[in-house]
Protein backbone atom coordinates (compact mmCIF):
# COMPACT_ATOMS: atom_id res chain seq x y z
CA UNK A 1 0.00 0.00 0.00
CA UNK A 2 1.12 3.50 -0.77
CA UNK A 3 1.48 5.92 2.10
CA UNK A 4 0.03 8.71 -0.01
CA UNK A 5 -2.87 7.05 -1.81
CA UNK A 6 -6.15 6.23 -0.10
CA UNK A 7 -6.93 2.54 0.19
CA UNK A 8 -9.92 0.24 0.01
CA UNK A 9 -9.98 -3.10 1.80
CA UNK A 10 -12.03 -5.90 0.26
CA UNK A 11 -12.90 -8.73 2.67
CA UNK A 12 -14.42 -11.99 1.45
CA UNK A 13 -15.96 -14.58 3.73
CA UNK A 14 -16.30 -18.35 3.82
CA UNK A 15 -16.25 -20.43 0.64
CA UNK A 16 -15.51 -17.53 -1.69
CA UNK A 17 -12.14 -19.13 -2.39
CA UNK A 18 -14.25 -21.64 -4.38
CA UNK A 19 -15.94 -18.97 -6.52
CA UNK A 20 -16.09 -20.21 -10.11
CA UNK A 21 -16.10 -23.85 -8.98
CA UNK A 22 -18.91 -24.02 -6.42
CA UNK A 23 -22.49 -23.87 -7.73
CA UNK A 24 -21.71 -22.07 -11.02
CA UNK A 25 -25.44 -21.95 -11.85
CA UNK A 26 -25.83 -19.57 -8.90
CA UNK A 27 -22.46 -17.81 -8.68
CA UNK A 28 -21.21 -18.01 -12.28
CA UNK A 29 -17.85 -19.18 -13.54
CA UNK A 30 -15.78 -16.11 -12.61
CA UNK A 31 -13.23 -16.75 -9.89
CA UNK A 32 -12.29 -14.73 -6.84
CA UNK A 33 -9.05 -13.85 -8.66
CA UNK A 34 -11.22 -12.40 -11.46
CA UNK A 35 -13.15 -10.34 -8.89
CA UNK A 36 -9.89 -9.12 -7.37
CA UNK A 37 -8.49 -8.10 -10.77
CA UNK A 38 -11.67 -6.18 -11.61
CA UNK A 39 -11.76 -4.40 -8.24
CA UNK A 40 -8.04 -3.60 -8.38
CA UNK A 41 -8.28 -2.21 -11.92
CA UNK A 42 -11.20 0.01 -10.89
CA UNK A 43 -9.49 1.22 -7.72
CA UNK A 44 -6.18 1.92 -9.46
CA UNK A 45 -7.93 3.94 -12.18
CA UNK A 46 -9.51 6.06 -9.43
CA UNK A 47 -6.19 6.62 -7.65
CA UNK A 48 -6.78 4.14 -4.82
CA UNK A 49 -4.79 1.21 -3.51
CA UNK A 50 -6.71 -2.00 -2.93
CA UNK A 51 -6.10 -4.78 -0.44
CA UNK A 52 -7.99 -8.02 -1.13
CA UNK A 53 -8.50 -10.61 1.61
CA UNK A 54 -10.41 -13.89 1.93
CA UNK A 55 -10.79 -16.26 4.84
CA UNK A 56 -13.03 -19.13 5.82
CA UNK A 57 -12.50 -18.20 9.49
CA UNK A 58 -14.64 -15.55 11.17
CA UNK A 59 -11.89 -14.66 13.64
CA UNK A 60 -9.36 -14.00 10.86
CA UNK A 61 -11.89 -11.77 9.12
CA UNK A 62 -12.54 -9.82 12.32
CA UNK A 63 -8.80 -9.43 12.97
CA UNK A 64 -8.27 -8.11 9.42
CA UNK A 65 -11.12 -5.63 9.83
CA UNK A 66 -9.70 -4.42 13.16
CA UNK A 67 -6.38 -3.77 11.41
CA UNK A 68 -8.20 -1.62 8.83
CA UNK A 69 -9.41 0.85 11.46
CA UNK A 70 -7.62 4.10 10.78
CA UNK A 71 -5.76 2.58 7.83
CA UNK A 72 -8.33 1.97 5.08
CA UNK A 73 -10.53 4.68 3.60
CA UNK A 74 -13.35 2.26 2.80
CA UNK A 75 -14.41 -1.37 3.06
CA UNK A 76 -16.08 -3.76 0.67
CA UNK A 77 -17.39 -6.83 2.46
CA UNK A 78 -18.81 -10.01 0.97
CA UNK A 79 -19.77 -11.80 4.18
CA UNK A 80 -20.86 -14.92 2.27
CA UNK A 81 -21.89 -17.61 4.78
CA UNK A 82 -21.61 -15.13 7.67
CA UNK A 83 -24.27 -12.84 6.20
CA UNK A 84 -27.25 -14.07 8.21
CA UNK A 85 -25.48 -15.43 11.28
CA UNK A 86 -22.67 -13.15 12.43
CA UNK A 87 -23.49 -10.48 14.93
CA UNK A 88 -19.75 -10.40 15.70
CA UNK A 89 -19.09 -9.27 12.13
CA UNK A 90 -21.76 -6.56 12.46
CA UNK A 91 -20.24 -5.33 15.73
CA UNK A 92 -16.78 -5.28 14.15
CA UNK A 93 -17.94 -3.25 11.16
CA UNK A 94 -19.62 -0.76 13.49
CA UNK A 95 -16.42 -0.50 15.54
CA UNK A 96 -14.03 0.19 12.66
CA UNK A 97 -15.95 3.33 11.67
CA UNK A 98 -15.12 3.17 7.95
CA UNK A 99 -17.63 3.42 5.06
CA UNK A 100 -18.84 -0.08 4.11
CA UNK A 101 -20.35 -1.56 0.97
CA UNK A 102 -21.82 -5.05 1.24
CA UNK A 103 -21.46 -7.15 -1.91
CA UNK A 104 -23.02 -10.47 -2.89
CA UNK A 105 -22.31 -12.16 -6.22
CA UNK A 106 -25.78 -13.72 -6.23
CA UNK A 107 -29.06 -12.00 -5.42
CA UNK A 108 -29.61 -13.18 -1.86
CA UNK A 109 -33.23 -12.01 -2.01
CA UNK A 110 -34.07 -14.46 -4.82
CA UNK A 111 -32.70 -17.41 -2.90
CA UNK A 112 -33.73 -19.39 0.17
CA UNK A 113 -35.56 -17.41 2.86
CA UNK A 114 -32.75 -17.79 5.41
CA UNK A 115 -30.38 -15.95 3.04
CA UNK A 116 -32.59 -12.84 2.94
CA UNK A 117 -31.42 -11.65 6.37
CA UNK A 118 -28.17 -9.70 6.42
CA UNK A 119 -26.83 -8.21 9.61
CA UNK A 120 -24.26 -6.26 7.57
CA UNK A 121 -27.01 -4.56 5.55
CA UNK A 122 -28.27 -2.89 8.70
CA UNK A 123 -25.14 -0.74 8.86
CA UNK A 124 -23.74 -0.71 5.31
CA UNK A 125 -23.64 2.51 3.32
CA UNK A 126 -24.69 0.51 0.24
CA UNK A 127 -25.62 -3.05 -0.68
CA UNK A 128 -24.94 -4.57 -4.10
CA UNK A 129 -26.34 -8.03 -4.84
CA UNK A 130 -26.96 -10.15 -7.89
CA UNK A 131 -24.53 -8.42 -10.27
CA UNK A 132 -21.93 -11.20 -10.36
CA UNK A 133 -18.35 -10.07 -9.86
CA UNK A 134 -19.23 -6.73 -11.47
CA UNK A 135 -20.63 -5.92 -8.03
CA UNK A 136 -17.05 -5.48 -6.83
CA UNK A 137 -16.45 -2.84 -9.51
CA UNK A 138 -19.71 -1.08 -8.60
CA UNK A 139 -18.71 -1.16 -4.93
CA UNK A 140 -15.33 0.46 -5.64
CA UNK A 141 -17.01 3.14 -7.75
CA UNK A 142 -19.54 3.85 -5.00
CA UNK A 143 -16.88 4.02 -2.28
CA UNK A 144 -14.67 6.38 -4.27
CA UNK A 145 -17.61 8.76 -4.75
CA UNK A 146 -18.76 8.37 -1.16
CA UNK A 147 -15.29 8.96 0.29
CA UNK A 148 -14.74 11.98 -1.97
CA UNK A 149 -18.11 13.42 -0.94
CA UNK A 150 -17.38 12.91 2.76
CA UNK A 151 -13.92 14.49 2.40
CA UNK A 152 -15.30 17.58 0.68
CA UNK A 153 -17.92 18.01 3.42
CA UNK A 154 -15.42 17.44 6.22
CA UNK A 155 -11.92 18.47 5.05
CA UNK A 156 -10.41 17.90 8.51
CA UNK A 157 -10.88 14.11 8.22
C-alpha atoms as a PDB file:
ATOM      1  CA  UNK A   1       0.000   0.000   0.000  1.00  0.00           C
ATOM      2  CA  UNK A   2       1.121   3.495  -0.771  1.00  0.00           C
ATOM      3  CA  UNK A   3       1.480   5.918   2.104  1.00  0.00           C
ATOM      4  CA  UNK A   4       0.033   8.714  -0.011  1.00  0.00           C
ATOM      5  CA  UNK A   5      -2.867   7.048  -1.808  1.00  0.00           C
ATOM      6  CA  UNK A   6      -6.146   6.229  -0.098  1.00  0.00           C
ATOM      7  CA  UNK A   7      -6.935   2.539   0.187  1.00  0.00           C
ATOM      8  CA  UNK A   8      -9.921   0.239   0.015  1.00  0.00           C
ATOM      9  CA  UNK A   9      -9.982  -3.096   1.802  1.00  0.00           C
ATOM     10  CA  UNK A  10     -12.035  -5.903   0.263  1.00  0.00           C
ATOM     11  CA  UNK A  11     -12.899  -8.727   2.669  1.00  0.00           C
ATOM     12  CA  UNK A  12     -14.421 -11.989   1.450  1.00  0.00           C
ATOM     13  CA  UNK A  13     -15.964 -14.576   3.730  1.00  0.00           C
ATOM     14  CA  UNK A  14     -16.302 -18.347   3.823  1.00  0.00           C
ATOM     15  CA  UNK A  15     -16.253 -20.431   0.637  1.00  0.00           C
ATOM     16  CA  UNK A  16     -15.511 -17.527  -1.691  1.00  0.00           C
ATOM     17  CA  UNK A  17     -12.141 -19.132  -2.387  1.00  0.00           C
ATOM     18  CA  UNK A  18     -14.253 -21.641  -4.384  1.00  0.00           C
ATOM     19  CA  UNK A  19     -15.940 -18.973  -6.518  1.00  0.00           C
ATOM     20  CA  UNK A  20     -16.085 -20.213 -10.105  1.00  0.00           C
ATOM     21  CA  UNK A  21     -16.102 -23.847  -8.983  1.00  0.00           C
ATOM     22  CA  UNK A  22     -18.909 -24.022  -6.423  1.00  0.00           C
ATOM     23  CA  UNK A  23     -22.486 -23.867  -7.731  1.00  0.00           C
ATOM     24  CA  UNK A  24     -21.711 -22.067 -11.015  1.00  0.00           C
ATOM     25  CA  UNK A  25     -25.439 -21.955 -11.846  1.00  0.00           C
ATOM     26  CA  UNK A  26     -25.832 -19.566  -8.902  1.00  0.00           C
ATOM     27  CA  UNK A  27     -22.460 -17.812  -8.682  1.00  0.00           C
ATOM     28  CA  UNK A  28     -21.210 -18.012 -12.276  1.00  0.00           C
ATOM     29  CA  UNK A  29     -17.850 -19.184 -13.542  1.00  0.00           C
ATOM     30  CA  UNK A  30     -15.784 -16.108 -12.613  1.00  0.00           C
ATOM     31  CA  UNK A  31     -13.228 -16.753  -9.889  1.00  0.00           C
ATOM     32  CA  UNK A  32     -12.285 -14.735  -6.836  1.00  0.00           C
ATOM     33  CA  UNK A  33      -9.054 -13.845  -8.661  1.00  0.00           C
ATOM     34  CA  UNK A  34     -11.217 -12.402 -11.458  1.00  0.00           C
ATOM     35  CA  UNK A  35     -13.152 -10.345  -8.886  1.00  0.00           C
ATOM     36  CA  UNK A  36      -9.889  -9.117  -7.375  1.00  0.00           C
ATOM     37  CA  UNK A  37      -8.486  -8.101 -10.771  1.00  0.00           C
ATOM     38  CA  UNK A  38     -11.670  -6.184 -11.610  1.00  0.00           C
ATOM     39  CA  UNK A  39     -11.763  -4.401  -8.243  1.00  0.00           C
ATOM     40  CA  UNK A  40      -8.041  -3.599  -8.380  1.00  0.00           C
ATOM     41  CA  UNK A  41      -8.279  -2.211 -11.923  1.00  0.00           C
ATOM     42  CA  UNK A  42     -11.204   0.005 -10.895  1.00  0.00           C
ATOM     43  CA  UNK A  43      -9.491   1.221  -7.721  1.00  0.00           C
ATOM     44  CA  UNK A  44      -6.183   1.923  -9.462  1.00  0.00           C
ATOM     45  CA  UNK A  45      -7.927   3.940 -12.183  1.00  0.00           C
ATOM     46  CA  UNK A  46      -9.511   6.060  -9.434  1.00  0.00           C
ATOM     47  CA  UNK A  47      -6.193   6.618  -7.647  1.00  0.00           C
ATOM     48  CA  UNK A  48      -6.777   4.144  -4.818  1.00  0.00           C
ATOM     49  CA  UNK A  49      -4.789   1.213  -3.514  1.00  0.00           C
ATOM     50  CA  UNK A  50      -6.706  -2.001  -2.934  1.00  0.00           C
ATOM     51  CA  UNK A  51      -6.096  -4.781  -0.436  1.00  0.00           C
ATOM     52  CA  UNK A  52      -7.991  -8.023  -1.131  1.00  0.00           C
ATOM     53  CA  UNK A  53      -8.503 -10.609   1.608  1.00  0.00           C
ATOM     54  CA  UNK A  54     -10.414 -13.886   1.931  1.00  0.00           C
ATOM     55  CA  UNK A  55     -10.789 -16.260   4.843  1.00  0.00           C
ATOM     56  CA  UNK A  56     -13.031 -19.127   5.818  1.00  0.00           C
ATOM     57  CA  UNK A  57     -12.496 -18.196   9.485  1.00  0.00           C
ATOM     58  CA  UNK A  58     -14.642 -15.554  11.169  1.00  0.00           C
ATOM     59  CA  UNK A  59     -11.886 -14.663  13.644  1.00  0.00           C
ATOM     60  CA  UNK A  60      -9.359 -14.005  10.864  1.00  0.00           C
ATOM     61  CA  UNK A  61     -11.894 -11.774   9.121  1.00  0.00           C
ATOM     62  CA  UNK A  62     -12.538  -9.825  12.322  1.00  0.00           C
ATOM     63  CA  UNK A  63      -8.801  -9.431  12.967  1.00  0.00           C
ATOM     64  CA  UNK A  64      -8.275  -8.113   9.420  1.00  0.00           C
ATOM     65  CA  UNK A  65     -11.124  -5.629   9.832  1.00  0.00           C
ATOM     66  CA  UNK A  66      -9.698  -4.422  13.159  1.00  0.00           C
ATOM     67  CA  UNK A  67      -6.380  -3.771  11.405  1.00  0.00           C
ATOM     68  CA  UNK A  68      -8.199  -1.620   8.830  1.00  0.00           C
ATOM     69  CA  UNK A  69      -9.414   0.849  11.458  1.00  0.00           C
ATOM     70  CA  UNK A  70      -7.618   4.101  10.779  1.00  0.00           C
ATOM     71  CA  UNK A  71      -5.755   2.581   7.826  1.00  0.00           C
ATOM     72  CA  UNK A  72      -8.333   1.969   5.084  1.00  0.00           C
ATOM     73  CA  UNK A  73     -10.535   4.679   3.600  1.00  0.00           C
ATOM     74  CA  UNK A  74     -13.351   2.262   2.802  1.00  0.00           C
ATOM     75  CA  UNK A  75     -14.410  -1.370   3.063  1.00  0.00           C
ATOM     76  CA  UNK A  76     -16.077  -3.765   0.672  1.00  0.00           C
ATOM     77  CA  UNK A  77     -17.389  -6.832   2.458  1.00  0.00           C
ATOM     78  CA  UNK A  78     -18.809 -10.010   0.973  1.00  0.00           C
ATOM     79  CA  UNK A  79     -19.770 -11.795   4.181  1.00  0.00           C
ATOM     80  CA  UNK A  80     -20.859 -14.920   2.268  1.00  0.00           C
ATOM     81  CA  UNK A  81     -21.887 -17.610   4.776  1.00  0.00           C
ATOM     82  CA  UNK A  82     -21.609 -15.135   7.672  1.00  0.00           C
ATOM     83  CA  UNK A  83     -24.274 -12.841   6.205  1.00  0.00           C
ATOM     84  CA  UNK A  84     -27.251 -14.068   8.212  1.00  0.00           C
ATOM     85  CA  UNK A  85     -25.480 -15.429  11.279  1.00  0.00           C
ATOM     86  CA  UNK A  86     -22.666 -13.152  12.430  1.00  0.00           C
ATOM     87  CA  UNK A  87     -23.492 -10.477  14.931  1.00  0.00           C
ATOM     88  CA  UNK A  88     -19.752 -10.404  15.702  1.00  0.00           C
ATOM     89  CA  UNK A  89     -19.093  -9.269  12.125  1.00  0.00           C
ATOM     90  CA  UNK A  90     -21.755  -6.560  12.457  1.00  0.00           C
ATOM     91  CA  UNK A  91     -20.240  -5.331  15.729  1.00  0.00           C
ATOM     92  CA  UNK A  92     -16.776  -5.277  14.154  1.00  0.00           C
ATOM     93  CA  UNK A  93     -17.938  -3.248  11.158  1.00  0.00           C
ATOM     94  CA  UNK A  94     -19.616  -0.765  13.486  1.00  0.00           C
ATOM     95  CA  UNK A  95     -16.417  -0.503  15.544  1.00  0.00           C
ATOM     96  CA  UNK A  96     -14.032   0.188  12.663  1.00  0.00           C
ATOM     97  CA  UNK A  97     -15.949   3.333  11.666  1.00  0.00           C
ATOM     98  CA  UNK A  98     -15.124   3.167   7.946  1.00  0.00           C
ATOM     99  CA  UNK A  99     -17.628   3.420   5.059  1.00  0.00           C
ATOM    100  CA  UNK A 100     -18.842  -0.076   4.108  1.00  0.00           C
ATOM    101  CA  UNK A 101     -20.347  -1.559   0.965  1.00  0.00           C
ATOM    102  CA  UNK A 102     -21.815  -5.046   1.245  1.00  0.00           C
ATOM    103  CA  UNK A 103     -21.458  -7.153  -1.914  1.00  0.00           C
ATOM    104  CA  UNK A 104     -23.025 -10.465  -2.893  1.00  0.00           C
ATOM    105  CA  UNK A 105     -22.306 -12.156  -6.217  1.00  0.00           C
ATOM    106  CA  UNK A 106     -25.782 -13.723  -6.229  1.00  0.00           C
ATOM    107  CA  UNK A 107     -29.064 -11.999  -5.419  1.00  0.00           C
ATOM    108  CA  UNK A 108     -29.606 -13.184  -1.860  1.00  0.00           C
ATOM    109  CA  UNK A 109     -33.225 -12.013  -2.012  1.00  0.00           C
ATOM    110  CA  UNK A 110     -34.066 -14.464  -4.823  1.00  0.00           C
ATOM    111  CA  UNK A 111     -32.697 -17.413  -2.897  1.00  0.00           C
ATOM    112  CA  UNK A 112     -33.732 -19.387   0.166  1.00  0.00           C
ATOM    113  CA  UNK A 113     -35.556 -17.410   2.858  1.00  0.00           C
ATOM    114  CA  UNK A 114     -32.751 -17.791   5.407  1.00  0.00           C
ATOM    115  CA  UNK A 115     -30.382 -15.954   3.039  1.00  0.00           C
ATOM    116  CA  UNK A 116     -32.589 -12.845   2.945  1.00  0.00           C
ATOM    117  CA  UNK A 117     -31.421 -11.648   6.370  1.00  0.00           C
ATOM    118  CA  UNK A 118     -28.168  -9.703   6.418  1.00  0.00           C
ATOM    119  CA  UNK A 119     -26.827  -8.208   9.607  1.00  0.00           C
ATOM    120  CA  UNK A 120     -24.257  -6.265   7.569  1.00  0.00           C
ATOM    121  CA  UNK A 121     -27.015  -4.564   5.547  1.00  0.00           C
ATOM    122  CA  UNK A 122     -28.269  -2.890   8.704  1.00  0.00           C
ATOM    123  CA  UNK A 123     -25.137  -0.745   8.862  1.00  0.00           C
ATOM    124  CA  UNK A 124     -23.741  -0.711   5.311  1.00  0.00           C
ATOM    125  CA  UNK A 125     -23.638   2.514   3.325  1.00  0.00           C
ATOM    126  CA  UNK A 126     -24.685   0.515   0.242  1.00  0.00           C
ATOM    127  CA  UNK A 127     -25.622  -3.052  -0.681  1.00  0.00           C
ATOM    128  CA  UNK A 128     -24.936  -4.574  -4.096  1.00  0.00           C
ATOM    129  CA  UNK A 129     -26.335  -8.031  -4.842  1.00  0.00           C
ATOM    130  CA  UNK A 130     -26.960 -10.155  -7.891  1.00  0.00           C
ATOM    131  CA  UNK A 131     -24.527  -8.424 -10.272  1.00  0.00           C
ATOM    132  CA  UNK A 132     -21.935 -11.196 -10.360  1.00  0.00           C
ATOM    133  CA  UNK A 133     -18.352 -10.069  -9.863  1.00  0.00           C
ATOM    134  CA  UNK A 134     -19.233  -6.725 -11.471  1.00  0.00           C
ATOM    135  CA  UNK A 135     -20.630  -5.921  -8.026  1.00  0.00           C
ATOM    136  CA  UNK A 136     -17.054  -5.476  -6.826  1.00  0.00           C
ATOM    137  CA  UNK A 137     -16.448  -2.836  -9.506  1.00  0.00           C
ATOM    138  CA  UNK A 138     -19.706  -1.082  -8.604  1.00  0.00           C
ATOM    139  CA  UNK A 139     -18.709  -1.161  -4.930  1.00  0.00           C
ATOM    140  CA  UNK A 140     -15.330   0.457  -5.640  1.00  0.00           C
ATOM    141  CA  UNK A 141     -17.009   3.140  -7.753  1.00  0.00           C
ATOM    142  CA  UNK A 142     -19.540   3.845  -4.997  1.00  0.00           C
ATOM    143  CA  UNK A 143     -16.882   4.022  -2.285  1.00  0.00           C
ATOM    144  CA  UNK A 144     -14.670   6.385  -4.275  1.00  0.00           C
ATOM    145  CA  UNK A 145     -17.613   8.758  -4.750  1.00  0.00           C
ATOM    146  CA  UNK A 146     -18.762   8.366  -1.158  1.00  0.00           C
ATOM    147  CA  UNK A 147     -15.289   8.964   0.290  1.00  0.00           C
ATOM    148  CA  UNK A 148     -14.745  11.980  -1.971  1.00  0.00           C
ATOM    149  CA  UNK A 149     -18.111  13.421  -0.941  1.00  0.00           C
ATOM    150  CA  UNK A 150     -17.377  12.907   2.758  1.00  0.00           C
ATOM    151  CA  UNK A 151     -13.923  14.488   2.402  1.00  0.00           C
ATOM    152  CA  UNK A 152     -15.299  17.582   0.684  1.00  0.00           C
ATOM    153  CA  UNK A 153     -17.923  18.015   3.419  1.00  0.00           C
ATOM    154  CA  UNK A 154     -15.419  17.439   6.222  1.00  0.00           C
ATOM    155  CA  UNK A 155     -11.921  18.473   5.054  1.00  0.00           C
ATOM    156  CA  UNK A 156     -10.408  17.899   8.507  1.00  0.00           C
ATOM    157  CA  UNK A 157     -10.883  14.109   8.216  1.00  0.00           C
END
